[in-house]
Amino acid sequence: MGDCQMQSKKEIIRRPRLRMVTGLGNATLSDLQNPRSRRFDPTFPKKVQLSSRAVGHFLHEIEAWLESRQAGPQPTGRAEQ
Protein backbone atom coordinates (compact mmCIF):
# COMPACT_ATOMS: atom_id res chain seq x y z
CA MET A 1 0.00 0.00 0.00
CA GLY A 2 1.39 3.42 -0.94
CA ASP A 3 1.98 6.30 1.44
CA CYS A 4 -0.96 8.23 -0.03
CA GLN A 5 -3.37 5.35 0.62
CA MET A 6 -2.05 4.87 4.15
CA GLN A 7 -2.47 8.59 4.83
CA SER A 8 -6.07 8.51 3.56
CA LYS A 9 -6.93 5.60 5.88
CA LYS A 10 -5.61 7.50 8.89
CA GLU A 11 -6.82 10.97 7.97
CA ILE A 12 -9.75 12.33 9.95
CA ILE A 13 -11.65 15.24 8.49
CA ARG A 14 -13.78 17.74 10.37
CA ARG A 15 -17.14 19.25 9.30
CA PRO A 16 -15.87 22.02 6.97
CA ARG A 17 -13.83 19.55 4.91
CA LEU A 18 -16.64 16.97 5.08
CA ARG A 19 -18.91 19.56 3.46
CA MET A 20 -16.32 20.19 0.75
CA VAL A 21 -15.65 16.52 0.03
CA THR A 22 -19.32 15.49 -0.12
CA GLY A 23 -20.77 18.68 -1.55
CA LEU A 24 -23.52 18.48 1.09
CA GLY A 25 -24.63 21.16 3.52
CA ASN A 26 -24.74 21.05 7.31
CA ALA A 27 -28.46 20.23 7.50
CA THR A 28 -28.19 17.34 5.05
CA LEU A 29 -25.13 15.91 6.80
CA SER A 30 -26.93 16.10 10.14
CA ASP A 31 -30.04 14.43 8.70
CA LEU A 32 -28.02 11.59 7.16
CA GLN A 33 -26.74 10.76 10.66
CA ASN A 34 -30.01 11.25 12.55
CA PRO A 35 -32.13 8.06 12.86
CA ARG A 36 -35.24 10.21 13.39
CA SER A 37 -34.80 12.01 10.06
CA ARG A 38 -36.53 10.80 6.91
CA ARG A 39 -33.16 11.38 5.19
CA PHE A 40 -31.30 9.09 7.62
CA ASP A 41 -28.78 6.85 5.85
CA PRO A 42 -27.56 3.93 7.98
CA THR A 43 -24.70 3.42 5.50
CA PHE A 44 -23.25 6.89 6.17
CA PRO A 45 -19.94 6.54 8.06
CA LYS A 46 -20.06 6.93 11.82
CA LYS A 47 -18.44 9.87 13.58
CA VAL A 48 -15.14 9.51 15.41
CA GLN A 49 -15.05 11.20 18.83
CA LEU A 50 -11.85 13.25 19.00
CA SER A 51 -12.47 15.01 22.30
CA SER A 52 -15.42 15.86 24.50
CA ARG A 53 -16.61 18.45 21.94
CA ALA A 54 -14.89 17.52 18.67
CA VAL A 55 -15.83 14.84 16.14
CA GLY A 56 -14.63 13.92 12.69
CA HIS A 57 -14.89 11.22 10.03
CA PHE A 58 -12.29 8.97 8.45
CA LEU A 59 -11.68 10.28 4.94
CA HIS A 60 -11.41 6.79 3.43
CA GLU A 61 -14.85 5.87 4.82
CA ILE A 62 -16.41 9.00 3.34
CA GLU A 63 -14.75 8.30 -0.02
CA ALA A 64 -16.06 4.70 0.03
CA TRP A 65 -19.57 5.95 0.87
CA LEU A 66 -19.43 8.41 -2.04
CA GLU A 67 -18.29 5.64 -4.40
CA SER A 68 -21.19 3.44 -3.24
CA ARG A 69 -23.58 6.27 -4.12
CA GLN A 70 -22.28 6.17 -7.71
CA ALA A 71 -23.04 2.46 -8.02
CA GLY A 72 -26.65 3.06 -8.95
CA PRO A 73 -29.81 5.03 -8.29
CA GLN A 74 -30.62 5.49 -4.62
CA PRO A 75 -34.20 5.35 -3.33
CA THR A 76 -35.45 8.83 -2.49
CA GLY A 77 -38.83 7.97 -1.02
CA ARG A 78 -40.53 9.94 -3.80
CA ALA A 79 -42.65 8.46 -6.55
CA GLU A 80 -41.02 8.32 -9.98
CA GLN A 81 -42.45 10.80 -12.45
PDB file of N, CA and C in Angstrom:
ATOM      1  N   MET A   1       0.847  -1.177   0.000  1.00  0.00           N
ATOM      2  CA  MET A   1       0.000   0.000   0.000  1.00  0.00           C
ATOM      3  C   MET A   1       0.890   1.237   0.000  1.00  0.00           C
ATOM      4  N   GLY A   2       0.570   2.224  -0.849  1.00  0.00           N
ATOM      5  CA  GLY A   2       1.386   3.425  -0.940  1.00  0.00           C
ATOM      6  C   GLY A   2       1.166   4.369   0.219  1.00  0.00           C
ATOM      7  N   ASP A   3       2.090   5.316   0.359  1.00  0.00           N
ATOM      8  CA  ASP A   3       1.980   6.304   1.441  1.00  0.00           C
ATOM      9  C   ASP A   3       0.686   7.099   1.358  1.00  0.00           C
ATOM     10  N   CYS A   4       0.256   7.437   0.142  1.00  0.00           N
ATOM     11  CA  CYS A   4      -0.964   8.234  -0.030  1.00  0.00           C
ATOM     12  C   CYS A   4      -2.182   7.463   0.482  1.00  0.00           C
ATOM     13  N   GLN A   5      -2.253   6.149   0.157  1.00  0.00           N
ATOM     14  CA  GLN A   5      -3.372   5.346   0.624  1.00  0.00           C
ATOM     15  C   GLN A   5      -3.338   5.178   2.135  1.00  0.00           C
ATOM     16  N   MET A   6      -2.176   5.000   2.700  1.00  0.00           N
ATOM     17  CA  MET A   6      -2.055   4.868   4.152  1.00  0.00           C
ATOM     18  C   MET A   6      -2.488   6.158   4.830  1.00  0.00           C
ATOM     19  N   GLN A   7      -2.092   7.302   4.258  1.00  0.00           N
ATOM     20  CA  GLN A   7      -2.470   8.594   4.827  1.00  0.00           C
ATOM     21  C   GLN A   7      -3.982   8.759   4.807  1.00  0.00           C
ATOM     22  N   SER A   8      -4.628   8.384   3.697  1.00  0.00           N
ATOM     23  CA  SER A   8      -6.069   8.514   3.563  1.00  0.00           C
ATOM     24  C   SER A   8      -6.791   7.669   4.602  1.00  0.00           C
ATOM     25  N   LYS A   9      -6.283   6.472   4.897  1.00  0.00           N
ATOM     26  CA  LYS A   9      -6.931   5.602   5.878  1.00  0.00           C
ATOM     27  C   LYS A   9      -6.829   6.159   7.287  1.00  0.00           C
ATOM     28  N   LYS A  10      -5.804   6.933   7.560  1.00  0.00           N
ATOM     29  CA  LYS A  10      -5.612   7.499   8.889  1.00  0.00           C
ATOM     30  C   LYS A  10      -6.217   8.890   9.029  1.00  0.00           C
ATOM     31  N   GLU A  11      -6.421   9.566   7.917  1.00  0.00           N
ATOM     32  CA  GLU A  11      -6.822  10.974   7.972  1.00  0.00           C
ATOM     33  C   GLU A  11      -8.262  11.133   8.453  1.00  0.00           C
ATOM     34  N   ILE A  12      -8.422  11.983   9.432  1.00  0.00           N
ATOM     35  CA  ILE A  12      -9.747  12.330   9.951  1.00  0.00           C
ATOM     36  C   ILE A  12     -10.052  13.749   9.497  1.00  0.00           C
ATOM     37  N   ILE A  13     -11.248  13.912   8.951  1.00  0.00           N
ATOM     38  CA  ILE A  13     -11.653  15.244   8.493  1.00  0.00           C
ATOM     39  C   ILE A  13     -12.764  15.771   9.388  1.00  0.00           C
ATOM     40  N   ARG A  14     -12.766  17.073   9.549  1.00  0.00           N
ATOM     41  CA  ARG A  14     -13.785  17.738  10.369  1.00  0.00           C
ATOM     42  C   ARG A  14     -14.896  18.256   9.457  1.00  0.00           C
ATOM     43  N   ARG A  15     -15.920  18.856  10.034  1.00  0.00           N
ATOM     44  CA  ARG A  15     -17.137  19.245   9.304  1.00  0.00           C
ATOM     45  C   ARG A  15     -16.884  20.139   8.093  1.00  0.00           C
ATOM     46  N   PRO A  16     -16.062  21.186   8.168  1.00  0.00           N
ATOM     47  CA  PRO A  16     -15.871  22.019   6.966  1.00  0.00           C
ATOM     48  C   PRO A  16     -15.334  21.228   5.766  1.00  0.00           C
ATOM     49  N   ARG A  17     -14.375  20.350   6.015  1.00  0.00           N
ATOM     50  CA  ARG A  17     -13.828  19.552   4.912  1.00  0.00           C
ATOM     51  C   ARG A  17     -14.829  18.479   4.484  1.00  0.00           C
ATOM     52  N   LEU A  18     -15.597  17.943   5.415  1.00  0.00           N
ATOM     53  CA  LEU A  18     -16.636  16.973   5.080  1.00  0.00           C
ATOM     54  C   LEU A  18     -17.631  17.596   4.108  1.00  0.00           C
ATOM     55  N   ARG A  19     -18.002  18.852   4.369  1.00  0.00           N
ATOM     56  CA  ARG A  19     -18.909  19.562   3.458  1.00  0.00           C
ATOM     57  C   ARG A  19     -18.284  19.709   2.071  1.00  0.00           C
ATOM     58  N   MET A  20     -17.003  20.029   2.030  1.00  0.00           N
ATOM     59  CA  MET A  20     -16.322  20.193   0.746  1.00  0.00           C
ATOM     60  C   MET A  20     -16.228  18.869  -0.012  1.00  0.00           C
ATOM     61  N   VAL A  21     -15.846  17.818   0.679  1.00  0.00           N
ATOM     62  CA  VAL A  21     -15.647  16.516   0.033  1.00  0.00           C
ATOM     63  C   VAL A  21     -16.968  15.950  -0.494  1.00  0.00           C
ATOM     64  N   THR A  22     -18.028  16.069   0.282  1.00  0.00           N
ATOM     65  CA  THR A  22     -19.319  15.488  -0.116  1.00  0.00           C
ATOM     66  C   THR A  22     -20.147  16.422  -0.972  1.00  0.00           C
ATOM     67  N   GLY A  23     -19.934  17.717  -0.842  1.00  0.00           N
ATOM     68  CA  GLY A  23     -20.774  18.677  -1.548  1.00  0.00           C
ATOM     69  C   GLY A  23     -22.122  18.873  -0.876  1.00  0.00           C
ATOM     70  N   LEU A  24     -22.260  18.388   0.350  1.00  0.00           N
ATOM     71  CA  LEU A  24     -23.518  18.483   1.092  1.00  0.00           C
ATOM     72  C   LEU A  24     -23.431  19.573   2.150  1.00  0.00           C
ATOM     73  N   GLY A  25     -24.577  20.124   2.503  1.00  0.00           N
ATOM     74  CA  GLY A  25     -24.629  21.162   3.523  1.00  0.00           C
ATOM     75  C   GLY A  25     -24.761  20.586   4.920  1.00  0.00           C
ATOM     76  N   ASN A  26     -24.663  21.463   5.910  1.00  0.00           N
ATOM     77  CA  ASN A  26     -24.742  21.049   7.310  1.00  0.00           C
ATOM     78  C   ASN A  26     -26.034  20.318   7.646  1.00  0.00           C
ATOM     79  N   ALA A  27     -27.165  20.843   7.173  1.00  0.00           N
ATOM     80  CA  ALA A  27     -28.459  20.235   7.501  1.00  0.00           C
ATOM     81  C   ALA A  27     -28.558  18.827   6.920  1.00  0.00           C
ATOM     82  N   THR A  28     -28.130  18.656   5.688  1.00  0.00           N
ATOM     83  CA  THR A  28     -28.187  17.335   5.053  1.00  0.00           C
ATOM     84  C   THR A  28     -27.268  16.353   5.762  1.00  0.00           C
ATOM     85  N   LEU A  29     -26.059  16.777   6.084  1.00  0.00           N
ATOM     86  CA  LEU A  29     -25.130  15.906   6.800  1.00  0.00           C
ATOM     87  C   LEU A  29     -25.701  15.485   8.152  1.00  0.00           C
ATOM     88  N   SER A  30     -26.316  16.424   8.852  1.00  0.00           N
ATOM     89  CA  SER A  30     -26.928  16.100  10.144  1.00  0.00           C
ATOM     90  C   SER A  30     -28.074  15.108   9.968  1.00  0.00           C
ATOM     91  N   ASP A  31     -28.907  15.328   8.949  1.00  0.00           N
ATOM     92  CA  ASP A  31     -30.042  14.435   8.701  1.00  0.00           C
ATOM     93  C   ASP A  31     -29.584  13.025   8.340  1.00  0.00           C
ATOM     94  N   LEU A  32     -28.526  12.910   7.560  1.00  0.00           N
ATOM     95  CA  LEU A  32     -28.024  11.592   7.164  1.00  0.00           C
ATOM     96  C   LEU A  32     -27.609  10.759   8.376  1.00  0.00           C
ATOM     97  N   GLN A  33     -27.226  11.430   9.459  1.00  0.00           N
ATOM     98  CA  GLN A  33     -26.745  10.758  10.660  1.00  0.00           C
ATOM     99  C   GLN A  33     -27.796  10.626  11.751  1.00  0.00           C
ATOM    100  N   ASN A  34     -28.965  11.215  11.538  1.00  0.00           N
ATOM    101  CA  ASN A  34     -30.011  11.246  12.551  1.00  0.00           C
ATOM    102  C   ASN A  34     -31.067  10.177  12.269  1.00  0.00           C
ATOM    103  N   PRO A  35     -31.152   9.133  13.102  1.00  0.00           N
ATOM    104  CA  PRO A  35     -32.126   8.061  12.862  1.00  0.00           C
ATOM    105  C   PRO A  35     -33.574   8.539  12.835  1.00  0.00           C
ATOM    106  N   ARG A  36     -33.863   9.685  13.389  1.00  0.00           N
ATOM    107  CA  ARG A  36     -35.237  10.206  13.388  1.00  0.00           C
ATOM    108  C   ARG A  36     -35.578  10.969  12.109  1.00  0.00           C
ATOM    109  N   SER A  37     -34.590  11.260  11.300  1.00  0.00           N
ATOM    110  CA  SER A  37     -34.799  12.012  10.063  1.00  0.00           C
ATOM    111  C   SER A  37     -35.260  11.086   8.945  1.00  0.00           C
ATOM    112  N   ARG A  38     -36.107  11.598   8.067  1.00  0.00           N
ATOM    113  CA  ARG A  38     -36.525  10.802   6.913  1.00  0.00           C
ATOM    114  C   ARG A  38     -35.383  10.645   5.920  1.00  0.00           C
ATOM    115  N   ARG A  39     -34.327  11.476   6.064  1.00  0.00           N
ATOM    116  CA  ARG A  39     -33.161  11.383   5.189  1.00  0.00           C
ATOM    117  C   ARG A  39     -32.027  10.559   5.812  1.00  0.00           C
ATOM    118  N   PHE A  40     -32.309   9.912   6.939  1.00  0.00           N
ATOM    119  CA  PHE A  40     -31.302   9.088   7.617  1.00  0.00           C
ATOM    120  C   PHE A  40     -30.753   8.026   6.671  1.00  0.00           C
ATOM    121  N   ASP A  41     -29.438   7.869   6.672  1.00  0.00           N
ATOM    122  CA  ASP A  41     -28.780   6.847   5.853  1.00  0.00           C
ATOM    123  C   ASP A  41     -27.901   5.997   6.767  1.00  0.00           C
ATOM    124  N   PRO A  42     -28.340   4.782   7.069  1.00  0.00           N
ATOM    125  CA  PRO A  42     -27.557   3.935   7.977  1.00  0.00           C
ATOM    126  C   PRO A  42     -26.197   3.545   7.411  1.00  0.00           C
ATOM    127  N   THR A  43     -25.992   3.747   6.105  1.00  0.00           N
ATOM    128  CA  THR A  43     -24.702   3.416   5.500  1.00  0.00           C
ATOM    129  C   THR A  43     -23.702   4.570   5.605  1.00  0.00           C
ATOM    130  N   PHE A  44     -24.170   5.746   6.049  1.00  0.00           N
ATOM    131  CA  PHE A  44     -23.253   6.886   6.174  1.00  0.00           C
ATOM    132  C   PHE A  44     -22.250   6.591   7.292  1.00  0.00           C
ATOM    133  N   PRO A  45     -20.967   6.859   7.054  1.00  0.00           N
ATOM    134  CA  PRO A  45     -19.938   6.539   8.060  1.00  0.00           C
ATOM    135  C   PRO A  45     -20.202   7.193   9.419  1.00  0.00           C
ATOM    136  N   LYS A  46     -19.879   6.447  10.447  1.00  0.00           N
ATOM    137  CA  LYS A  46     -20.058   6.927  11.824  1.00  0.00           C
ATOM    138  C   LYS A  46     -18.998   7.963  12.175  1.00  0.00           C
ATOM    139  N   LYS A  47     -19.367   8.846  13.088  1.00  0.00           N
ATOM    140  CA  LYS A  47     -18.439   9.870  13.582  1.00  0.00           C
ATOM    141  C   LYS A  47     -17.370   9.233  14.458  1.00  0.00           C
ATOM    142  N   VAL A  48     -16.228   9.911  14.517  1.00  0.00           N
ATOM    143  CA  VAL A  48     -15.137   9.514  15.407  1.00  0.00           C
ATOM    144  C   VAL A  48     -15.023  10.605  16.467  1.00  0.00           C
ATOM    145  N   GLN A  49     -15.170  10.233  17.727  1.00  0.00           N
ATOM    146  CA  GLN A  49     -15.054  11.199  18.826  1.00  0.00           C
ATOM    147  C   GLN A  49     -13.586  11.539  19.040  1.00  0.00           C
ATOM    148  N   LEU A  50     -13.228  12.811  18.858  1.00  0.00           N
ATOM    149  CA  LEU A  50     -11.846  13.248  19.001  1.00  0.00           C
ATOM    150  C   LEU A  50     -11.569  13.818  20.388  1.00  0.00           C
ATOM    151  N   SER A  51     -12.559  14.468  20.945  1.00  0.00           N
ATOM    152  CA  SER A  51     -12.470  15.009  22.300  1.00  0.00           C
ATOM    153  C   SER A  51     -13.895  15.135  22.813  1.00  0.00           C
ATOM    154  N   SER A  52     -14.067  15.749  23.953  1.00  0.00           N
ATOM    155  CA  SER A  52     -15.422  15.864  24.500  1.00  0.00           C
ATOM    156  C   SER A  52     -16.350  16.687  23.605  1.00  0.00           C
ATOM    157  N   ARG A  53     -15.777  17.596  22.794  1.00  0.00           N
ATOM    158  CA  ARG A  53     -16.613  18.450  21.938  1.00  0.00           C
ATOM    159  C   ARG A  53     -16.283  18.366  20.460  1.00  0.00           C
ATOM    160  N   ALA A  54     -15.319  17.577  20.074  1.00  0.00           N
ATOM    161  CA  ALA A  54     -14.893  17.518  18.667  1.00  0.00           C
ATOM    162  C   ALA A  54     -15.095  16.121  18.080  1.00  0.00           C
ATOM    163  N   VAL A  55     -15.657  16.092  16.870  1.00  0.00           N
ATOM    164  CA  VAL A  55     -15.832  14.842  16.143  1.00  0.00           C
ATOM    165  C   VAL A  55     -15.302  15.010  14.723  1.00  0.00           C
ATOM    166  N   GLY A  56     -15.069  13.906  14.077  1.00  0.00           N
ATOM    167  CA  GLY A  56     -14.629  13.918  12.691  1.00  0.00           C
ATOM    168  C   GLY A  56     -15.044  12.618  12.031  1.00  0.00           C
ATOM    169  N   HIS A  57     -14.623  12.444  10.790  1.00  0.00           N
ATOM    170  CA  HIS A  57     -14.891  11.219  10.034  1.00  0.00           C
ATOM    171  C   HIS A  57     -13.603  10.781   9.362  1.00  0.00           C
ATOM    172  N   PHE A  58     -13.426   9.464   9.211  1.00  0.00           N
ATOM    173  CA  PHE A  58     -12.287   8.971   8.455  1.00  0.00           C
ATOM    174  C   PHE A  58     -12.532   9.266   6.980  1.00  0.00           C
ATOM    175  N   LEU A  59     -11.556   9.898   6.350  1.00  0.00           N
ATOM    176  CA  LEU A  59     -11.684  10.284   4.944  1.00  0.00           C
ATOM    177  C   LEU A  59     -11.934   9.068   4.063  1.00  0.00           C
ATOM    178  N   HIS A  60     -11.233   7.965   4.297  1.00  0.00           N
ATOM    179  CA  HIS A  60     -11.409   6.791   3.426  1.00  0.00           C
ATOM    180  C   HIS A  60     -12.825   6.222   3.523  1.00  0.00           C
ATOM    181  N   GLU A  61     -13.473   6.349   4.683  1.00  0.00           N
ATOM    182  CA  GLU A  61     -14.846   5.871   4.821  1.00  0.00           C
ATOM    183  C   GLU A  61     -15.819   6.764   4.058  1.00  0.00           C
ATOM    184  N   ILE A  62     -15.573   8.061   4.092  1.00  0.00           N
ATOM    185  CA  ILE A  62     -16.412   9.005   3.339  1.00  0.00           C
ATOM    186  C   ILE A  62     -16.247   8.760   1.845  1.00  0.00           C
ATOM    187  N   GLU A  63     -15.005   8.564   1.400  1.00  0.00           N
ATOM    188  CA  GLU A  63     -14.753   8.300  -0.024  1.00  0.00           C
ATOM    189  C   GLU A  63     -15.437   7.005  -0.466  1.00  0.00           C
ATOM    190  N   ALA A  64     -15.395   5.975   0.358  1.00  0.00           N
ATOM    191  CA  ALA A  64     -16.056   4.704   0.031  1.00  0.00           C
ATOM    192  C   ALA A  64     -17.570   4.897  -0.040  1.00  0.00           C
ATOM    193  N   TRP A  65     -18.125   5.683   0.874  1.00  0.00           N
ATOM    194  CA  TRP A  65     -19.571   5.954   0.867  1.00  0.00           C
ATOM    195  C   TRP A  65     -19.957   6.689  -0.418  1.00  0.00           C
ATOM    196  N   LEU A  66     -19.156   7.672  -0.807  1.00  0.00           N
ATOM    197  CA  LEU A  66     -19.432   8.407  -2.044  1.00  0.00           C
ATOM    198  C   LEU A  66     -19.379   7.479  -3.249  1.00  0.00           C
ATOM    199  N   GLU A  67     -18.398   6.591  -3.288  1.00  0.00           N
ATOM    200  CA  GLU A  67     -18.293   5.635  -4.395  1.00  0.00           C
ATOM    201  C   GLU A  67     -19.511   4.711  -4.429  1.00  0.00           C
ATOM    202  N   SER A  68     -20.018   4.311  -3.275  1.00  0.00           N
ATOM    203  CA  SER A  68     -21.191   3.442  -3.238  1.00  0.00           C
ATOM    204  C   SER A  68     -22.425   4.166  -3.766  1.00  0.00           C
ATOM    205  N   ARG A  69     -22.450   5.473  -3.607  1.00  0.00           N
ATOM    206  CA  ARG A  69     -23.577   6.267  -4.117  1.00  0.00           C
ATOM    207  C   ARG A  69     -23.568   6.323  -5.636  1.00  0.00           C
ATOM    208  N   GLN A  70     -22.391   6.155  -6.255  1.00  0.00           N
ATOM    209  CA  GLN A  70     -22.279   6.172  -7.708  1.00  0.00           C
ATOM    210  C   GLN A  70     -22.687   4.843  -8.321  1.00  0.00           C
ATOM    211  N   ALA A  71     -22.779   3.801  -7.510  1.00  0.00           N
ATOM    212  CA  ALA A  71     -23.037   2.458  -8.019  1.00  0.00           C
ATOM    213  C   ALA A  71     -24.390   2.334  -8.708  1.00  0.00           C
ATOM    214  N   GLY A  72     -25.334   3.145  -8.341  1.00  0.00           N
ATOM    215  CA  GLY A  72     -26.647   3.062  -8.952  1.00  0.00           C
ATOM    216  C   GLY A  72     -27.613   4.029  -8.321  1.00  0.00           C
ATOM    217  N   PRO A  73     -28.824   4.110  -8.850  1.00  0.00           N
ATOM    218  CA  PRO A  73     -29.807   5.031  -8.287  1.00  0.00           C
ATOM    219  C   PRO A  73     -30.150   4.671  -6.850  1.00  0.00           C
ATOM    220  N   GLN A  74     -30.289   5.680  -6.026  1.00  0.00           N
ATOM    221  CA  GLN A  74     -30.620   5.487  -4.624  1.00  0.00           C
ATOM    222  C   GLN A  74     -32.097   5.808  -4.420  1.00  0.00           C
ATOM    223  N   PRO A  75     -32.802   5.036  -3.602  1.00  0.00           N
ATOM    224  CA  PRO A  75     -34.197   5.353  -3.334  1.00  0.00           C
ATOM    225  C   PRO A  75     -34.323   6.694  -2.629  1.00  0.00           C
ATOM    226  N   THR A  76     -35.260   7.508  -3.079  1.00  0.00           N
ATOM    227  CA  THR A  76     -35.448   8.827  -2.486  1.00  0.00           C
ATOM    228  C   THR A  76     -36.704   8.923  -1.645  1.00  0.00           C
ATOM    229  N   GLY A  77     -37.565   7.907  -1.757  1.00  0.00           N
ATOM    230  CA  GLY A  77     -38.829   7.965  -1.019  1.00  0.00           C
ATOM    231  C   GLY A  77     -39.900   8.698  -1.794  1.00  0.00           C
ATOM    232  N   ARG A  78     -39.556   9.227  -2.964  1.00  0.00           N
ATOM    233  CA  ARG A  78     -40.529   9.935  -3.800  1.00  0.00           C
ATOM    234  C   ARG A  78     -40.959   9.025  -4.947  1.00  0.00           C
ATOM    235  N   ALA A  79     -42.164   9.228  -5.406  1.00  0.00           N
ATOM    236  CA  ALA A  79     -42.653   8.461  -6.550  1.00  0.00           C
ATOM    237  C   ALA A  79     -41.946   8.924  -7.827  1.00  0.00           C
ATOM    238  N   GLU A  80     -41.644   7.973  -8.701  1.00  0.00           N
ATOM    239  CA  GLU A  80     -41.021   8.316  -9.980  1.00  0.00           C
ATOM    240  C   GLU A  80     -42.018   9.065 -10.840  1.00  0.00           C
ATOM    241  N   GLN A  81     -41.551  10.029 -11.577  1.00  0.00           N
ATOM    242  CA  GLN A  81     -42.451  10.797 -12.446  1.00  0.00           C
ATOM    243  C   GLN A  81     -42.182  10.489 -13.891  1.00  0.00           C
TER     244      GLN A  81
END
